[in-house]
Amino acid sequence: MTQELKDLDLEDLLRHGQDQTSNLTFYKLVFQSLERLAWQNAASPEVYRQSFLDLAAGFLASVKPEYLPQAVAAKSLLLKNVRF
């Protein structure tokens, strides 16, 4: 794939990462995409934060239970601004 993963839209990113669902990097990219989507469409910082949390919660609700710990860990690391 010649296109950088960070430049993929969410649908393409999810399709590309289906085989990597237990990989923290996959979840990091998903949450970064959701964060970018929230930021681009927010009228204020409060709306941005709530939108991102809502998008993240919706995504987490769709994750298979066996992969949920990795997804939650990635979200927590990103919210704490920890690099991984």
PDB file of N, CA and C in Angstrom:
ATOM      1  N   MET A   1       0.850  -1.168   0.000  1.00  0.00           N
ATOM      2  CA  MET A   1       0.000   0.000   0.000  1.00  0.00           C
ATOM      3  C   MET A   1       0.897   1.233   0.000  1.00  0.00           C
ATOM      4  N   THR A   2       0.745   2.093  -0.987  1.00  0.00           N
ATOM      5  CA  THR A   2       1.614   3.259  -1.109  1.00  0.00           C
ATOM      6  C   THR A   2       1.143   4.435  -0.274  1.00  0.00           C
ATOM      7  N   GLN A   3      -0.125   4.473   0.046  1.00  0.00           N
ATOM      8  CA  GLN A   3      -0.659   5.584   0.829  1.00  0.00           C
ATOM      9  C   GLN A   3      -0.333   5.385   2.311  1.00  0.00           C
ATOM     10  N   GLU A   4       0.039   6.458   2.982  1.00  0.00           N
ATOM     11  CA  GLU A   4       0.335   6.385   4.408  1.00  0.00           C
ATOM     12  C   GLU A   4      -0.921   6.019   5.184  1.00  0.00           C
ATOM     13  N   LEU A   5      -0.787   5.179   6.193  1.00  0.00           N
ATOM     14  CA  LEU A   5      -1.945   4.779   6.993  1.00  0.00           C
ATOM     15  C   LEU A   5      -2.620   5.969   7.658  1.00  0.00           C
ATOM     16  N   LYS A   6      -1.837   6.959   8.099  1.00  0.00           N
ATOM     17  CA  LYS A   6      -2.438   8.102   8.788  1.00  0.00           C
ATOM     18  C   LYS A   6      -3.315   8.937   7.866  1.00  0.00           C
ATOM     19  N   ASP A   7      -3.171   8.770   6.553  1.00  0.00           N
ATOM     20  CA  ASP A   7      -3.966   9.541   5.602  1.00  0.00           C
ATOM     21  C   ASP A   7      -5.232   8.823   5.143  1.00  0.00           C
ATOM     22  N   LEU A   8      -5.420   7.571   5.575  1.00  0.00           N
ATOM     23  CA  LEU A   8      -6.598   6.816   5.177  1.00  0.00           C
ATOM     24  C   LEU A   8      -7.827   7.332   5.917  1.00  0.00           C
ATOM     25  N   ASP A   9      -8.984   7.266   5.262  1.00  0.00           N
ATOM     26  CA  ASP A   9     -10.199   7.609   5.991  1.00  0.00           C
ATOM     27  C   ASP A   9     -10.572   6.422   6.872  1.00  0.00           C
ATOM     28  N   LEU A  10     -11.518   6.622   7.755  1.00  0.00           N
ATOM     29  CA  LEU A  10     -11.834   5.608   8.751  1.00  0.00           C
ATOM     30  C   LEU A  10     -12.257   4.281   8.129  1.00  0.00           C
ATOM     31  N   GLU A  11     -13.092   4.324   7.113  1.00  0.00           N
ATOM     32  CA  GLU A  11     -13.561   3.078   6.488  1.00  0.00           C
ATOM     33  C   GLU A  11     -12.404   2.278   5.899  1.00  0.00           C
ATOM     34  N   ASP A  12     -11.497   2.952   5.185  1.00  0.00           N
ATOM     35  CA  ASP A  12     -10.345   2.266   4.604  1.00  0.00           C
ATOM     36  C   ASP A  12      -9.404   1.747   5.694  1.00  0.00           C
ATOM     37  N   LEU A  13      -9.247   2.529   6.749  1.00  0.00           N
ATOM     38  CA  LEU A  13      -8.394   2.117   7.846  1.00  0.00           C
ATOM     39  C   LEU A  13      -8.935   0.857   8.518  1.00  0.00           C
ATOM     40  N   LEU A  14     -10.230   0.819   8.750  1.00  0.00           N
ATOM     41  CA  LEU A  14     -10.834  -0.366   9.359  1.00  0.00           C
ATOM     42  C   LEU A  14     -10.678  -1.584   8.463  1.00  0.00           C
ATOM     43  N   ARG A  15     -10.877  -1.398   7.170  1.00  0.00           N
ATOM     44  CA  ARG A  15     -10.733  -2.508   6.232  1.00  0.00           C
ATOM     45  C   ARG A  15      -9.283  -3.012   6.213  1.00  0.00           C
ATOM     46  N   HIS A  16      -8.347  -2.086   6.179  1.00  0.00           N
ATOM     47  CA  HIS A  16      -6.932  -2.449   6.156  1.00  0.00           C
ATOM     48  C   HIS A  16      -6.514  -3.162   7.440  1.00  0.00           C
ATOM     49  N   GLY A  17      -7.096  -2.769   8.566  1.00  0.00           N
ATOM     50  CA  GLY A  17      -6.663  -3.295   9.843  1.00  0.00           C
ATOM     51  C   GLY A  17      -7.415  -4.498  10.344  1.00  0.00           C
ATOM     52  N   GLN A  18      -8.292  -5.072   9.549  1.00  0.00           N
ATOM     53  CA  GLN A  18      -9.079  -6.198  10.030  1.00  0.00           C
ATOM     54  C   GLN A  18      -8.212  -7.342  10.537  1.00  0.00           C
ATOM     55  N   ASP A  19      -7.072  -7.576   9.924  1.00  0.00           N
ATOM     56  CA  ASP A  19      -6.198  -8.664  10.356  1.00  0.00           C
ATOM     57  C   ASP A  19      -5.319  -8.270  11.544  1.00  0.00           C
ATOM     58  N   GLN A  20      -5.402  -7.007  11.957  1.00  0.00           N
ATOM     59  CA  GLN A  20      -4.547  -6.519  13.026  1.00  0.00           C
ATOM     60  C   GLN A  20      -5.337  -6.136  14.271  1.00  0.00           C
ATOM     61  N   THR A  21      -6.491  -6.738  14.468  1.00  0.00           N
ATOM     62  CA  THR A  21      -7.390  -6.258  15.510  1.00  0.00           C
ATOM     63  C   THR A  21      -6.874  -6.431  16.935  1.00  0.00           C
ATOM     64  N   SER A  22      -5.830  -7.196  17.137  1.00  0.00           N
ATOM     65  CA  SER A  22      -5.272  -7.290  18.483  1.00  0.00           C
ATOM     66  C   SER A  22      -4.023  -6.423  18.639  1.00  0.00           C
ATOM     67  N   ASN A  23      -3.745  -5.607  17.669  1.00  0.00           N
ATOM     68  CA  ASN A  23      -2.552  -4.785  17.635  1.00  0.00           C
ATOM     69  C   ASN A  23      -2.882  -3.378  18.132  1.00  0.00           C
ATOM     70  N   LEU A  24      -2.149  -2.884  19.135  1.00  0.00           N
ATOM     71  CA  LEU A  24      -2.422  -1.546  19.669  1.00  0.00           C
ATOM     72  C   LEU A  24      -2.265  -0.462  18.612  1.00  0.00           C
ATOM     73  N   THR A  25      -1.357  -0.643  17.683  1.00  0.00           N
ATOM     74  CA  THR A  25      -1.157   0.368  16.643  1.00  0.00           C
ATOM     75  C   THR A  25      -2.409   0.542  15.803  1.00  0.00           C
ATOM     76  N   PHE A  26      -3.084  -0.542  15.509  1.00  0.00           N
ATOM     77  CA  PHE A  26      -4.340  -0.456  14.765  1.00  0.00           C
ATOM     78  C   PHE A  26      -5.335   0.432  15.506  1.00  0.00           C
ATOM     79  N   TYR A  27      -5.501   0.176  16.797  1.00  0.00           N
ATOM     80  CA  TYR A  27      -6.450   0.970  17.575  1.00  0.00           C
ATOM     81  C   TYR A  27      -6.005   2.416  17.693  1.00  0.00           C
ATOM     82  N   LYS A  28      -4.706   2.627  17.798  1.00  0.00           N
ATOM     83  CA  LYS A  28      -4.181   3.986  17.846  1.00  0.00           C
ATOM     84  C   LYS A  28      -4.593   4.742  16.581  1.00  0.00           C
ATOM     85  N   LEU A  29      -4.434   4.115  15.438  1.00  0.00           N
ATOM     86  CA  LEU A  29      -4.801   4.762  14.176  1.00  0.00           C
ATOM     87  C   LEU A  29      -6.303   5.011  14.083  1.00  0.00           C
ATOM     88  N   VAL A  30      -7.097   4.059  14.564  1.00  0.00           N
ATOM     89  CA  VAL A  30      -8.551   4.245  14.554  1.00  0.00           C
ATOM     90  C   VAL A  30      -8.927   5.442  15.417  1.00  0.00           C
ATOM     91  N   PHE A  31      -8.412   5.495  16.653  1.00  0.00           N
ATOM     92  CA  PHE A  31      -8.773   6.592  17.549  1.00  0.00           C
ATOM     93  C   PHE A  31      -8.229   7.932  17.063  1.00  0.00           C
ATOM     94  N   GLN A  32      -7.066   7.935  16.438  1.00  0.00           N
ATOM     95  CA  GLN A  32      -6.551   9.179  15.864  1.00  0.00           C
ATOM     96  C   GLN A  32      -7.456   9.661  14.737  1.00  0.00           C
ATOM     97  N   SER A  33      -7.964   8.746  13.953  1.00  0.00           N
ATOM     98  CA  SER A  33      -8.896   9.118  12.880  1.00  0.00           C
ATOM     99  C   SER A  33     -10.194   9.668  13.449  1.00  0.00           C
ATOM    100  N   LEU A  34     -10.702   9.028  14.491  1.00  0.00           N
ATOM    101  CA  LEU A  34     -11.922   9.525  15.130  1.00  0.00           C
ATOM    102  C   LEU A  34     -11.690  10.904  15.747  1.00  0.00           C
ATOM    103  N   GLU A  35     -10.525  11.082  16.352  1.00  0.00           N
ATOM    104  CA  GLU A  35     -10.191  12.365  16.948  1.00  0.00           C
ATOM    105  C   GLU A  35     -10.116  13.455  15.877  1.00  0.00           C
ATOM    106  N   ARG A  36      -9.485  13.136  14.752  1.00  0.00           N
ATOM    107  CA  ARG A  36      -9.382  14.104  13.657  1.00  0.00           C
ATOM    108  C   ARG A  36     -10.769  14.454  13.116  1.00  0.00           C
ATOM    109  N   LEU A  37     -11.623  13.460  12.986  1.00  0.00           N
ATOM    110  CA  LEU A  37     -12.995  13.690  12.524  1.00  0.00           C
ATOM    111  C   LEU A  37     -13.742  14.606  13.493  1.00  0.00           C
ATOM    112  N   ALA A  38     -13.611  14.344  14.778  1.00  0.00           N
ATOM    113  CA  ALA A  38     -14.275  15.184  15.786  1.00  0.00           C
ATOM    114  C   ALA A  38     -13.736  16.609  15.733  1.00  0.00           C
ATOM    115  N   TRP A  39     -12.425  16.764  15.619  1.00  0.00           N
ATOM    116  CA  TRP A  39     -11.801  18.082  15.598  1.00  0.00           C
ATOM    117  C   TRP A  39     -12.248  18.897  14.380  1.00  0.00           C
ATOM    118  N   GLN A  40     -12.285  18.255  13.226  1.00  0.00           N
ATOM    119  CA  GLN A  40     -12.642  18.954  11.998  1.00  0.00           C
ATOM    120  C   GLN A  40     -14.094  19.420  11.978  1.00  0.00           C
ATOM    121  N   ASN A  41     -14.943  18.795  12.777  1.00  0.00           N
ATOM    122  CA  ASN A  41     -16.369  19.107  12.746  1.00  0.00           C
ATOM    123  C   ASN A  41     -16.892  19.744  14.018  1.00  0.00           C
ATOM    124  N   ALA A  42     -16.003  20.142  14.913  1.00  0.00           N
ATOM    125  CA  ALA A  42     -16.422  20.704  16.193  1.00  0.00           C
ATOM    126  C   ALA A  42     -16.467  22.231  16.145  1.00  0.00           C
ATOM    127  N   ALA A  43     -17.496  22.773  16.766  1.00  0.00           N
ATOM    128  CA  ALA A  43     -17.648  24.227  16.841  1.00  0.00           C
ATOM    129  C   ALA A  43     -16.874  24.823  18.015  1.00  0.00           C
ATOM    130  N   SER A  44     -16.534  24.003  18.991  1.00  0.00           N
ATOM    131  CA  SER A  44     -15.817  24.484  20.176  1.00  0.00           C
ATOM    132  C   SER A  44     -15.022  23.327  20.778  1.00  0.00           C
ATOM    133  N   PRO A  45     -14.080  23.633  21.668  1.00  0.00           N
ATOM    134  CA  PRO A  45     -13.319  22.567  22.318  1.00  0.00           C
ATOM    135  C   PRO A  45     -14.204  21.589  23.101  1.00  0.00           C
ATOM    136  N   GLU A  46     -15.255  22.094  23.708  1.00  0.00           N
ATOM    137  CA  GLU A  46     -16.164  21.226  24.464  1.00  0.00           C
ATOM    138  C   GLU A  46     -16.888  20.257  23.530  1.00  0.00           C
ATOM    139  N   VAL A  47     -17.344  20.769  22.400  1.00  0.00           N
ATOM    140  CA  VAL A  47     -18.030  19.921  21.422  1.00  0.00           C
ATOM    141  C   VAL A  47     -17.051  18.893  20.863  1.00  0.00           C
ATOM    142  N   TYR A  48     -15.823  19.316  20.604  1.00  0.00           N
ATOM    143  CA  TYR A  48     -14.792  18.394  20.105  1.00  0.00           C
ATOM    144  C   TYR A  48     -14.580  17.246  21.080  1.00  0.00           C
ATOM    145  N   ARG A  49     -14.357  17.577  22.344  1.00  0.00           N
ATOM    146  CA  ARG A  49     -14.066  16.532  23.337  1.00  0.00           C
ATOM    147  C   ARG A  49     -15.242  15.565  23.480  1.00  0.00           C
ATOM    148  N   GLN A  50     -16.446  16.106  23.579  1.00  0.00           N
ATOM    149  CA  GLN A  50     -17.608  15.230  23.735  1.00  0.00           C
ATOM    150  C   GLN A  50     -17.834  14.389  22.477  1.00  0.00           C
ATOM    151  N   SER A  51     -17.633  14.988  21.315  1.00  0.00           N
ATOM    152  CA  SER A  51     -17.797  14.249  20.061  1.00  0.00           C
ATOM    153  C   SER A  51     -16.793  13.117  19.961  1.00  0.00           C
ATOM    154  N   PHE A  52     -15.545  13.399  20.319  1.00  0.00           N
ATOM    155  CA  PHE A  52     -14.530  12.357  20.270  1.00  0.00           C
ATOM    156  C   PHE A  52     -14.866  11.226  21.235  1.00  0.00           C
ATOM    157  N   LEU A  53     -15.266  11.562  22.445  1.00  0.00           N
ATOM    158  CA  LEU A  53     -15.610  10.529  23.414  1.00  0.00           C
ATOM    159  C   LEU A  53     -16.804   9.700  22.946  1.00  0.00           C
ATOM    160  N   ASP A  54     -17.771  10.351  22.324  1.00  0.00           N
ATOM    161  CA  ASP A  54     -18.930   9.629  21.796  1.00  0.00           C
ATOM    162  C   ASP A  54     -18.535   8.700  20.644  1.00  0.00           C
ATOM    163  N   LEU A  55     -17.701   9.198  19.739  1.00  0.00           N
ATOM    164  CA  LEU A  55     -17.229   8.367  18.632  1.00  0.00           C
ATOM    165  C   LEU A  55     -16.422   7.180  19.151  1.00  0.00           C
ATOM    166  N   ALA A  56     -15.559   7.439  20.120  1.00  0.00           N
ATOM    167  CA  ALA A  56     -14.745   6.365  20.694  1.00  0.00           C
ATOM    168  C   ALA A  56     -15.633   5.323  21.381  1.00  0.00           C
ATOM    169  N   ALA A  57     -16.636   5.785  22.121  1.00  0.00           N
ATOM    170  CA  ALA A  57     -17.548   4.857  22.795  1.00  0.00           C
ATOM    171  C   ALA A  57     -18.307   4.007  21.776  1.00  0.00           C
ATOM    172  N   GLY A  58     -18.741   4.619  20.694  1.00  0.00           N
ATOM    173  CA  GLY A  58     -19.427   3.877  19.647  1.00  0.00           C
ATOM    174  C   GLY A  58     -18.531   2.829  19.017  1.00  0.00           C
ATOM    175  N   PHE A  59     -17.278   3.195  18.769  1.00  0.00           N
ATOM    176  CA  PHE A  59     -16.342   2.225  18.206  1.00  0.00           C
ATOM    177  C   PHE A  59     -16.095   1.081  19.189  1.00  0.00           C
ATOM    178  N   LEU A  60     -15.865   1.422  20.458  1.00  0.00           N
ATOM    179  CA  LEU A  60     -15.606   0.387  21.457  1.00  0.00           C
ATOM    180  C   LEU A  60     -16.778  -0.567  21.602  1.00  0.00           C
ATOM    181  N   ALA A  61     -17.973  -0.060  21.416  1.00  0.00           N
ATOM    182  CA  ALA A  61     -19.164  -0.915  21.510  1.00  0.00           C
ATOM    183  C   ALA A  61     -19.199  -1.948  20.385  1.00  0.00           C
ATOM    184  N   SER A  62     -18.500  -1.669  19.297  1.00  0.00           N
ATOM    185  CA  SER A  62     -18.514  -2.584  18.159  1.00  0.00           C
ATOM    186  C   SER A  62     -17.353  -3.579  18.166  1.00  0.00           C
ATOM    187  N   VAL A  63     -16.419  -3.421  19.104  1.00  0.00           N
ATOM    188  CA  VAL A  63     -15.235  -4.284  19.171  1.00  0.00           C
ATOM    189  C   VAL A  63     -15.598  -5.610  19.844  1.00  0.00           C
ATOM    190  N   LYS A  64     -15.099  -6.688  19.289  1.00  0.00           N
ATOM    191  CA  LYS A  64     -15.325  -8.010  19.887  1.00  0.00           C
ATOM    192  C   LYS A  64     -14.754  -8.019  21.302  1.00  0.00           C
ATOM    193  N   PRO A  65     -15.433  -8.682  22.222  1.00  0.00           N
ATOM    194  CA  PRO A  65     -14.984  -8.680  23.625  1.00  0.00           C
ATOM    195  C   PRO A  65     -13.531  -9.114  23.828  1.00  0.00           C
ATOM    196  N   GLU A  66     -13.059 -10.053  23.027  1.00  0.00           N
ATOM    197  CA  GLU A  66     -11.678 -10.518  23.218  1.00  0.00           C
ATOM    198  C   GLU A  66     -10.641  -9.468  22.824  1.00  0.00           C
ATOM    199  N   TYR A  67     -11.036  -8.475  22.043  1.00  0.00           N
ATOM    200  CA  TYR A  67     -10.111  -7.418  21.636  1.00  0.00           C
ATOM    201  C   TYR A  67     -10.323  -6.118  22.404  1.00  0.00           C
ATOM    202  N   LEU A  68     -11.344  -6.077  23.228  1.00  0.00           N
ATOM    203  CA  LEU A  68     -11.672  -4.848  23.950  1.00  0.00           C
ATOM    204  C   LEU A  68     -10.539  -4.352  24.846  1.00  0.00           C
ATOM    205  N   PRO A  69      -9.820  -5.210  25.557  1.00  0.00           N
ATOM    206  CA  PRO A  69      -8.727  -4.687  26.395  1.00  0.00           C
ATOM    207  C   PRO A  69      -7.680  -3.903  25.602  1.00  0.00           C
ATOM    208  N   GLN A  70      -7.312  -4.390  24.416  1.00  0.00           N
ATOM    209  CA  GLN A  70      -6.333  -3.675  23.595  1.00  0.00           C
ATOM    210  C   GLN A  70      -6.894  -2.325  23.144  1.00  0.00           C
ATOM    211  N   ALA A  71      -8.153  -2.306  22.746  1.00  0.00           N
ATOM    212  CA  ALA A  71      -8.768  -1.068  22.276  1.00  0.00           C
ATOM    213  C   ALA A  71      -8.863  -0.047  23.395  1.00  0.00           C
ATOM    214  N   VAL A  72      -9.275  -0.476  24.571  1.00  0.00           N
ATOM    215  CA  VAL A  72      -9.380   0.434  25.714  1.00  0.00           C
ATOM    216  C   VAL A  72      -8.000   0.940  26.118  1.00  0.00           C
ATOM    217  N   ALA A  73      -7.009   0.068  26.082  1.00  0.00           N
ATOM    218  CA  ALA A  73      -5.646   0.486  26.415  1.00  0.00           C
ATOM    219  C   ALA A  73      -5.158   1.561  25.447  1.00  0.00           C
ATOM    220  N   ALA A  74      -5.392   1.370  24.172  1.00  0.00           N
ATOM    221  CA  ALA A  74      -4.962   2.362  23.177  1.00  0.00           C
ATOM    222  C   ALA A  74      -5.677   3.687  23.397  1.00  0.00           C
ATOM    223  N   LYS A  75      -6.977   3.643  23.647  1.00  0.00           N
ATOM    224  CA  LYS A  75      -7.731   4.878  23.901  1.00  0.00           C
ATOM    225  C   LYS A  75      -7.193   5.588  25.132  1.00  0.00           C
ATOM    226  N   SER A  76      -6.944   4.856  26.188  1.00  0.00           N
ATOM    227  CA  SER A  76      -6.432   5.451  27.422  1.00  0.00           C
ATOM    228  C   SER A  76      -5.059   6.085  27.214  1.00  0.00           C
ATOM    229  N   LEU A  77      -4.188   5.405  26.489  1.00  0.00           N
ATOM    230  CA  LEU A  77      -2.864   5.964  26.221  1.00  0.00           C
ATOM    231  C   LEU A  77      -2.959   7.248  25.416  1.00  0.00           C
ATOM    232  N   LEU A  78      -3.844   7.273  24.434  1.00  0.00           N
ATOM    233  CA  LEU A  78      -4.003   8.477  23.618  1.00  0.00           C
ATOM    234  C   LEU A  78      -4.580   9.631  24.433  1.00  0.00           C
ATOM    235  N   LEU A  79      -5.570   9.347  25.277  1.00  0.00           N
ATOM    236  CA  LEU A  79      -6.162  10.399  26.095  1.00  0.00           C
ATOM    237  C   LEU A  79      -5.159  10.981  27.088  1.00  0.00           C
ATOM    238  N   LYS A  80      -4.181  10.164  27.490  1.00  0.00           N
ATOM    239  CA  LYS A  80      -3.147  10.613  28.422  1.00  0.00           C
ATOM    240  C   LYS A  80      -1.936  11.184  27.692  1.00  0.00           C
ATOM    241  N   ASN A  81      -2.003  11.243  26.365  1.00  0.00           N
ATOM    242  CA  ASN A  81      -0.903  11.723  25.524  1.00  0.00           C
ATOM    243  C   ASN A  81       0.378  10.930  25.706  1.00  0.00           C
ATOM    244  N   VAL A  82       0.234   9.627  25.921  1.00  0.00           N
ATOM    245  CA  VAL A  82       1.395   8.739  26.027  1.00  0.00           C
ATOM    246  C   VAL A  82       1.695   8.218  24.628  1.00  0.00           C
ATOM    247  N   ARG A  83       2.947   8.336  24.227  1.00  0.00           N
ATOM    248  CA  ARG A  83       3.336   7.862  22.884  1.00  0.00           C
ATOM    249  C   ARG A  83       3.531   6.354  22.914  1.00  0.00           C
ATOM    250  N   PHE A  84       3.041   5.694  21.875  1.00  0.00           N
ATOM    251  CA  PHE A  84       3.256   4.254  21.728  1.00  0.00           C
ATOM    252  C   PHE A  84       3.243   3.885  20.275  1.00  0.00           C
TER     253      PHE A  84
END
